[in-house]
Protein backbone atom coordinates (compact mmCIF):
# COMPACT_ATOMS: atom_id res chain seq x y z
CA UNK A 1 0.12 -0.08 0.00
CA UNK A 2 1.17 3.60 -0.67
CA UNK A 3 2.69 5.65 2.66
CA UNK A 4 0.68 8.72 1.44
CA UNK A 5 -2.98 9.14 0.20
CA UNK A 6 -4.45 12.33 -1.07
CA UNK A 7 -8.42 12.64 -1.45
CA UNK A 8 -11.05 15.10 -2.84
CA UNK A 9 -13.31 13.80 -0.02
CA UNK A 10 -14.76 17.21 1.89
CA UNK A 11 -15.86 15.43 5.43
CA UNK A 12 -15.95 11.90 6.38
CA UNK A 13 -19.28 11.19 6.87
CA UNK A 14 -20.03 11.75 3.11
CA UNK A 15 -21.07 8.56 0.69
CA UNK A 16 -18.39 7.24 -1.07
CA UNK A 17 -21.29 7.38 -4.52
CA UNK A 18 -21.28 11.32 -3.80
CA UNK A 19 -17.65 11.54 -4.09
CA UNK A 20 -16.15 12.32 -7.69
CA UNK A 21 -15.57 9.79 -9.92
CA UNK A 22 -11.69 9.40 -10.18
CA UNK A 23 -11.86 9.72 -6.19
CA UNK A 24 -14.34 6.79 -6.18
CA UNK A 25 -11.71 5.11 -8.43
CA UNK A 26 -8.89 5.39 -6.44
CA UNK A 27 -10.91 4.26 -3.30
CA UNK A 28 -11.78 1.32 -5.29
CA UNK A 29 -8.49 0.26 -6.02
CA UNK A 30 -7.39 1.16 -2.67
CA UNK A 31 -9.86 -1.18 -1.18
CA UNK A 32 -8.91 -3.83 -3.98
CA UNK A 33 -5.49 -3.29 -2.59
CA UNK A 34 -6.38 -3.76 1.32
CA UNK A 35 -8.14 -6.63 0.66
CA UNK A 36 -5.51 -8.27 -1.38
CA UNK A 37 -2.95 -7.42 1.25
CA UNK A 38 -4.57 -8.47 3.98
CA UNK A 39 -6.33 -11.63 2.52
CA UNK A 40 -9.89 -10.71 2.90
CA UNK A 41 -12.43 -10.85 0.32
CA UNK A 42 -14.58 -7.81 -0.54
CA UNK A 43 -18.67 -8.28 -1.39
CA UNK A 44 -19.98 -7.46 -4.28
CA UNK A 45 -23.25 -5.35 -4.57
CA UNK A 46 -25.44 -6.69 -7.80
CA UNK A 47 -28.02 -3.72 -8.00
CA UNK A 48 -24.77 -1.26 -7.61
CA UNK A 49 -22.78 -3.13 -9.88
CA UNK A 50 -19.49 -2.20 -7.58
CA UNK A 51 -18.20 -3.51 -3.97
CA UNK A 52 -20.47 -3.47 -1.48
CA UNK A 53 -18.37 -0.61 0.64
CA UNK A 54 -18.49 1.70 -2.12
CA UNK A 55 -22.50 2.09 -1.43
CA UNK A 56 -21.69 3.02 2.57
CA UNK A 57 -20.26 6.09 3.84
CA UNK A 58 -16.40 6.80 3.55
CA UNK A 59 -15.60 6.78 7.65
CA UNK A 60 -17.24 2.82 7.46
CA UNK A 61 -13.65 2.02 5.04
CA UNK A 62 -11.34 4.25 7.08
CA UNK A 63 -9.63 1.15 8.38
CA UNK A 64 -8.24 0.52 5.38
CA UNK A 65 -6.00 4.00 5.50
CA UNK A 66 -5.15 3.15 8.88
CA UNK A 67 -1.26 2.61 7.90
CA UNK A 68 -1.55 5.73 5.29
CA UNK A 69 -1.14 9.65 5.88
CA UNK A 70 -4.16 10.33 4.60
CA UNK A 71 -4.68 14.36 3.40
CA UNK A 72 -7.21 15.46 2.38
CA UNK A 73 -7.95 18.20 -0.62
CA UNK A 74 -10.56 19.92 -2.68
CA UNK A 75 -12.01 18.38 -5.92
CA UNK A 76 -9.59 18.04 -8.94
CA UNK A 77 -6.40 17.43 -6.61
CA UNK A 78 -6.02 13.99 -6.57
CA UNK A 79 -2.70 12.45 -6.80
């Protein structure tokens, strides 16, 4: 996993599906990497055609960023 992550997340209780698509894509990849590195599986939501975690709030998945220096930024500043 990366050591630092910069995400366009305005506040921790925002629903991930409300974030810009580029930010959602970064989070989705981080979820996949976290699951792979920790030997866990991601639940798939067939109705939304995405991982179940992607329909929740950002604060619900904060554990995947536990060992990462997380910085929040404005939309368009994603790295």
